[in-house]
Amino acid sequence: MQVRLSAIIYALLAILLMSFVPALIKINAANEVEIAFVRLAVAGTGVYIFLKIKRLSLNLNLNQWLALGLLGGVFAVHWFLYFKSIKLSTPSVGAITVSTYGIHVALLSRWLLKQSMTRYDIVALVLAGFGLYILIPEFNWHSDYFLGAVLGIASGFLYACLPIIHQKNLDIDATVRTAGQFIFACICFGPFAIPQNWSLSVNDWQGLIFLGIVSTLLAHSFWIKATSELPGVISGVVYYLYIPAAMLMSVLLAEEKITGSLVTGALIIIVSNVLLVVSKWKHSKTIKKA
């Protein structure tokens, strides 16, 4: 498969736009519910308009609607935990711990999809655990840093559940699934968002609109276009540029102090996830040849 330069550019643009998220969430006065609701309302509206432009049918059966509801519910909890992780700890810790989703995907694929695990997968799991150990020097439930890291890992687990759910519902168009995921997640946040006082400054509102349009709708659209054209191994590796990019934005925008343990833990977790991506790619090529 020939790799198009434009697809690489779209992938890198998507990662760049998404890398703003942790830092902007940290410095925004809005709470987790307010941030999620605005981002989802903007993104959900945009994807719904795109769905209408493509004239895709919404004539779904009950099981398909339930699947969309499940996608939205899982995505809503994933986002809440992710945002809470960033608020409690740091933008870098949130970005690194949620990126353990690749490890969770490997475990879930083994348990739910009955996929085999190679020795490379096992090495990657051990590396990821060691990276987290370095990243979290103190196991203290009274520490916001520790709680934030734990919530980030939990968020990564839920993020890993999403591709499993998508894979089990391929009979629903991808754009419809995306719209359903955003819209149902927005509905989940609705009852909690309405009672909020929403006493935000102009800068906070500008940050929320930027997150909704640029870092959600545009970034998501670019990423879908890139991953639809790039081989899985390339898009999988490119994704993990998100961690250093998010850490850089955290330094520039949130003035986070980057420690040696943070950098070391991040590098080990990146290596472990890239190892998993390459392992799955080699495994899929072996199956195709057989």
Protein backbone atom coordinates (compact mmCIF):
# COMPACT_ATOMS: atom_id res chain seq x y z
CA MET A 1 0.00 0.00 0.00
CA GLN A 2 1.49 3.33 -1.09
CA VAL A 3 1.56 5.92 1.69
CA ARG A 4 0.31 9.32 0.59
CA LEU A 5 2.08 12.40 1.96
CA SER A 6 -1.27 14.17 2.42
CA ALA A 7 -2.46 11.38 4.73
CA ILE A 8 0.67 11.76 6.88
CA ILE A 9 0.09 15.53 7.03
CA TYR A 10 -3.54 15.03 8.09
CA ALA A 11 -2.42 12.60 10.81
CA LEU A 12 0.20 15.01 12.14
CA LEU A 13 -2.29 17.90 12.05
CA ALA A 14 -4.79 15.82 14.01
CA ILE A 15 -2.19 14.99 16.66
CA LEU A 16 -1.13 18.64 16.88
CA LEU A 17 -4.71 19.86 17.35
CA MET A 18 -5.46 17.15 19.93
CA SER A 19 -2.28 17.97 21.87
CA PHE A 20 -3.82 21.27 23.02
CA VAL A 21 -6.51 19.42 24.98
CA PRO A 22 -4.77 18.51 28.29
CA ALA A 23 -3.22 21.95 28.83
CA LEU A 24 -6.38 23.87 27.87
CA ILE A 25 -8.48 21.70 30.18
CA LYS A 26 -6.07 22.32 33.05
CA ILE A 27 -6.07 26.12 32.71
CA ASN A 28 -9.81 26.45 32.00
CA ALA A 29 -11.99 27.39 34.99
CA ALA A 30 -14.82 25.18 33.68
CA ASN A 31 -15.26 21.86 35.44
CA GLU A 32 -15.19 18.42 33.82
CA VAL A 33 -18.94 18.36 33.07
CA GLU A 34 -19.01 21.83 31.52
CA ILE A 35 -15.98 21.13 29.33
CA ALA A 36 -17.36 17.81 28.12
CA PHE A 37 -20.85 19.13 27.43
CA VAL A 38 -19.67 22.07 25.31
CA ARG A 39 -17.15 19.98 23.35
CA LEU A 40 -19.71 17.27 22.68
CA ALA A 41 -22.45 19.74 21.73
CA VAL A 42 -20.18 21.41 19.17
CA ALA A 43 -18.70 18.17 17.81
CA GLY A 44 -22.02 16.33 17.81
CA THR A 45 -23.69 19.13 15.88
CA GLY A 46 -20.87 19.20 13.33
CA VAL A 47 -20.89 15.45 12.75
CA TYR A 48 -24.72 15.41 12.54
CA ILE A 49 -24.61 18.11 9.83
CA PHE A 50 -22.00 16.06 7.94
CA LEU A 51 -24.24 13.01 8.32
CA LYS A 52 -27.15 14.91 6.78
CA ILE A 53 -24.98 16.21 3.93
CA LYS A 54 -23.99 12.62 3.10
CA ARG A 55 -27.70 11.68 3.40
CA LEU A 56 -26.96 8.67 5.53
CA SER A 57 -29.96 6.76 6.80
CA LEU A 58 -30.87 6.74 10.49
CA ASN A 59 -33.34 3.93 10.00
CA LEU A 60 -31.80 1.67 12.65
CA ASN A 61 -33.24 -1.23 14.59
CA LEU A 62 -33.46 -1.35 18.38
CA ASN A 63 -30.19 -3.25 18.85
CA GLN A 64 -28.35 -0.72 16.70
CA TRP A 65 -29.77 2.19 18.71
CA LEU A 66 -28.74 0.42 21.91
CA ALA A 67 -25.23 -0.01 20.50
CA LEU A 68 -25.02 3.74 19.79
CA GLY A 69 -26.27 4.43 23.31
CA LEU A 70 -23.57 2.14 24.72
CA LEU A 71 -20.91 3.91 22.66
CA GLY A 72 -22.08 7.28 23.95
CA GLY A 73 -22.24 6.11 27.57
CA VAL A 74 -18.76 4.58 27.55
CA PHE A 75 -17.33 7.61 25.77
CA ALA A 76 -18.97 9.98 28.30
CA VAL A 77 -17.45 8.19 31.31
CA HIS A 78 -14.08 7.98 29.51
CA TRP A 79 -14.05 11.73 28.95
CA PHE A 80 -15.17 12.55 32.50
CA LEU A 81 -12.40 10.42 34.01
CA TYR A 82 -9.84 11.81 31.59
CA PHE A 83 -10.72 15.43 32.35
CA LYS A 84 -10.82 14.71 36.09
CA SER A 85 -7.39 13.08 35.79
CA ILE A 86 -5.97 16.24 34.22
CA LYS A 87 -7.59 18.52 36.81
CA LEU A 88 -6.30 16.45 39.74
CA SER A 89 -2.77 15.74 38.48
CA THR A 90 -1.12 17.45 35.50
CA PRO A 91 -1.82 17.64 31.76
CA SER A 92 1.17 15.38 31.04
CA VAL A 93 0.13 12.72 33.56
CA GLY A 94 -3.39 12.71 32.11
CA ALA A 95 -2.09 12.38 28.54
CA ILE A 96 0.39 9.63 29.41
CA THR A 97 -1.94 7.50 31.52
CA VAL A 98 -4.88 7.66 29.08
CA SER A 99 -2.46 6.53 26.35
CA THR A 100 -2.17 3.18 28.11
CA TYR A 101 -5.33 2.35 26.17
CA GLY A 102 -3.19 0.36 23.72
CA ILE A 103 -2.27 -2.01 26.54
CA HIS A 104 -5.91 -2.31 27.53
CA VAL A 105 -6.86 -3.04 23.91
CA ALA A 106 -4.42 -5.96 23.87
CA LEU A 107 -5.90 -7.40 27.06
CA LEU A 108 -9.51 -6.86 25.99
CA SER A 109 -8.83 -8.38 22.57
CA ARG A 110 -7.41 -11.44 24.32
CA TRP A 111 -10.41 -11.80 26.65
CA LEU A 112 -13.33 -10.66 24.48
CA LEU A 113 -12.20 -11.31 20.89
CA LYS A 114 -10.17 -14.45 21.75
CA GLN A 115 -7.11 -13.07 19.99
CA SER A 116 -3.78 -14.67 20.87
CA MET A 117 -0.99 -12.82 22.67
CA THR A 118 2.60 -13.04 21.44
CA ARG A 119 5.76 -12.81 23.51
CA TYR A 120 6.12 -9.24 22.21
CA ASP A 121 2.71 -8.40 23.69
CA ILE A 122 3.80 -9.78 27.05
CA VAL A 123 7.05 -7.76 26.95
CA ALA A 124 5.02 -4.65 26.09
CA LEU A 125 2.68 -5.24 29.06
CA VAL A 126 5.62 -5.61 31.44
CA LEU A 127 7.26 -2.47 30.03
CA ALA A 128 4.04 -0.48 30.41
CA GLY A 129 3.71 -1.56 34.03
CA PHE A 130 7.31 -0.51 34.71
CA GLY A 131 6.68 2.84 32.99
CA LEU A 132 3.68 3.49 35.21
CA TYR A 133 5.70 2.54 38.28
CA ILE A 134 8.29 5.20 37.38
CA LEU A 135 5.59 7.72 36.46
CA ILE A 136 3.80 7.30 39.82
CA PRO A 137 6.53 7.39 42.47
CA GLU A 138 4.12 7.44 45.43
CA PHE A 139 1.09 5.16 45.88
CA ASN A 140 -1.00 7.38 48.14
CA TRP A 141 -4.79 7.54 47.83
CA HIS A 142 -4.72 10.95 49.55
CA SER A 143 -2.52 12.36 46.77
CA ASP A 144 -4.25 14.20 43.92
CA TYR A 145 -1.35 13.23 41.64
CA PHE A 146 -1.86 9.53 42.38
CA LEU A 147 -5.66 9.74 42.05
CA GLY A 148 -5.29 11.61 38.77
CA ALA A 149 -2.99 8.91 37.40
CA VAL A 150 -5.38 6.14 38.47
CA LEU A 151 -8.34 7.91 36.84
CA GLY A 152 -6.25 8.38 33.69
CA ILE A 153 -5.56 4.64 33.54
CA ALA A 154 -9.27 3.91 34.10
CA SER A 155 -10.10 6.37 31.32
CA GLY A 156 -7.63 4.56 29.06
CA PHE A 157 -9.41 1.29 29.79
CA LEU A 158 -12.78 2.73 28.74
CA TYR A 159 -11.16 4.28 25.66
CA ALA A 160 -9.94 0.79 24.75
CA CYS A 161 -13.51 -0.53 25.03
CA LEU A 162 -14.67 1.80 22.25
CA PRO A 163 -12.91 0.08 19.29
CA ILE A 164 -14.21 -3.26 20.57
CA ILE A 165 -17.78 -1.93 20.54
CA HIS A 166 -17.23 -0.36 17.11
CA GLN A 167 -15.83 -3.63 15.77
CA LYS A 168 -18.91 -5.52 16.95
CA ASN A 169 -21.23 -3.04 15.18
CA LEU A 170 -19.71 -2.70 11.72
CA ASP A 171 -23.19 -3.06 10.25
CA ILE A 172 -23.74 0.58 11.26
CA ASP A 173 -22.08 3.19 9.02
CA ALA A 174 -18.89 4.66 10.58
CA THR A 175 -20.18 8.25 10.36
CA VAL A 176 -23.44 7.23 12.01
CA ARG A 177 -21.50 5.50 14.80
CA THR A 178 -19.35 8.60 15.29
CA ALA A 179 -22.38 10.89 15.41
CA GLY A 180 -24.14 8.53 17.81
CA GLN A 181 -21.09 8.34 20.06
CA PHE A 182 -20.90 12.15 20.37
CA ILE A 183 -24.63 12.83 20.59
CA PHE A 184 -25.45 10.12 23.14
CA ALA A 185 -22.43 11.14 25.23
CA CYS A 186 -23.72 14.72 25.15
CA ILE A 187 -27.13 13.48 26.31
CA CYS A 188 -25.43 11.66 29.20
CA PHE A 189 -23.82 14.89 30.36
CA GLY A 190 -26.99 16.96 29.85
CA PRO A 191 -28.67 16.37 33.25
CA PHE A 192 -25.40 17.21 35.02
CA ALA A 193 -24.51 20.19 32.82
CA ILE A 194 -27.80 22.09 33.11
CA PRO A 195 -27.55 22.72 36.91
CA GLN A 196 -23.98 24.10 36.62
CA ASN A 197 -23.57 27.82 37.31
CA TRP A 198 -21.57 28.39 34.08
CA SER A 199 -19.87 31.47 35.59
CA LEU A 200 -17.00 31.49 33.14
CA SER A 201 -14.84 34.28 31.79
CA VAL A 202 -14.60 35.24 28.13
CA ASN A 203 -11.24 33.48 27.94
CA ASP A 204 -12.75 30.31 29.38
CA TRP A 205 -15.56 30.35 26.81
CA GLN A 206 -13.07 30.96 24.02
CA GLY A 207 -11.07 27.98 25.27
CA LEU A 208 -14.17 25.76 25.29
CA ILE A 209 -15.16 26.80 21.77
CA PHE A 210 -11.59 26.16 20.58
CA LEU A 211 -11.67 22.71 22.19
CA GLY A 212 -15.05 21.95 20.59
CA ILE A 213 -14.30 23.13 17.05
CA VAL A 214 -10.54 22.74 16.64
CA SER A 215 -9.47 19.99 19.04
CA THR A 216 -12.56 17.83 18.68
CA LEU A 217 -14.42 18.35 15.40
CA LEU A 218 -11.48 19.28 13.13
CA ALA A 219 -8.95 16.99 14.82
CA HIS A 220 -11.37 14.07 14.73
CA SER A 221 -12.17 14.69 11.05
CA PHE A 222 -8.48 14.88 10.13
CA TRP A 223 -7.74 11.70 12.08
CA ILE A 224 -10.55 9.75 10.40
CA LYS A 225 -9.31 10.85 6.97
CA ALA A 226 -5.71 9.93 7.84
CA THR A 227 -6.48 6.53 9.36
CA SER A 228 -8.72 5.62 6.42
CA GLU A 229 -5.72 6.02 4.05
CA LEU A 230 -2.72 5.03 6.19
CA PRO A 231 -1.66 1.48 7.08
CA GLY A 232 -2.60 0.66 10.66
CA VAL A 233 1.01 0.34 11.78
CA ILE A 234 1.82 3.90 10.64
CA SER A 235 -1.27 5.54 12.14
CA GLY A 236 -0.74 3.53 15.33
CA VAL A 237 2.83 4.75 15.70
CA VAL A 238 1.97 8.35 14.73
CA TYR A 239 -0.73 8.44 17.41
CA TYR A 240 1.85 8.15 20.18
CA LEU A 241 3.42 11.43 19.09
CA TYR A 242 0.44 12.77 21.04
CA ILE A 243 2.27 12.24 24.34
CA PRO A 244 5.37 14.42 23.66
CA ALA A 245 3.21 16.97 21.82
CA ALA A 246 0.79 17.21 24.78
CA MET A 247 3.72 17.51 27.20
CA LEU A 248 5.19 20.35 25.15
CA MET A 249 1.85 22.19 25.08
CA SER A 250 1.57 21.68 28.83
CA VAL A 251 4.92 23.38 29.35
CA LEU A 252 4.05 26.26 27.02
CA LEU A 253 0.43 26.86 28.07
CA ALA A 254 0.08 25.49 31.60
CA GLU A 255 3.69 26.07 32.73
CA GLU A 256 4.00 22.47 33.92
CA LYS A 257 7.36 21.41 35.33
CA ILE A 258 8.57 18.29 33.53
CA THR A 259 10.56 15.91 35.75
CA GLY A 260 12.98 13.16 34.81
CA SER A 261 10.64 10.45 36.09
CA LEU A 262 7.83 11.89 33.96
CA VAL A 263 9.95 11.80 30.80
CA THR A 264 11.32 8.33 31.55
CA GLY A 265 7.89 6.88 32.34
CA ALA A 266 6.44 8.47 29.19
CA LEU A 267 9.20 7.07 26.98
CA ILE A 268 8.79 3.55 28.36
CA ILE A 269 5.00 3.65 27.90
CA ILE A 270 5.40 4.97 24.34
CA VAL A 271 7.87 2.19 23.50
CA SER A 272 5.56 -0.46 24.99
CA ASN A 273 2.58 0.75 22.97
CA VAL A 274 4.56 1.06 19.73
CA LEU A 275 5.84 -2.47 20.32
CA LEU A 276 2.23 -3.63 20.58
CA VAL A 277 1.27 -1.85 17.36
CA VAL A 278 4.16 -3.43 15.44
CA SER A 279 3.43 -6.84 16.98
CA LYS A 280 -0.22 -6.73 15.87
CA TRP A 281 0.82 -5.59 12.40
CA LYS A 282 3.27 -8.49 12.01
CA HIS A 283 0.66 -10.90 13.34
CA SER A 284 -1.93 -9.70 10.81
CA LYS A 285 0.58 -10.07 7.94
CA THR A 286 1.32 -13.64 9.06
CA ILE A 287 -2.39 -14.48 9.04
CA LYS A 288 -2.85 -13.02 5.54
CA LYS A 289 0.07 -15.08 4.19
CA ALA A 290 -1.28 -18.27 5.78
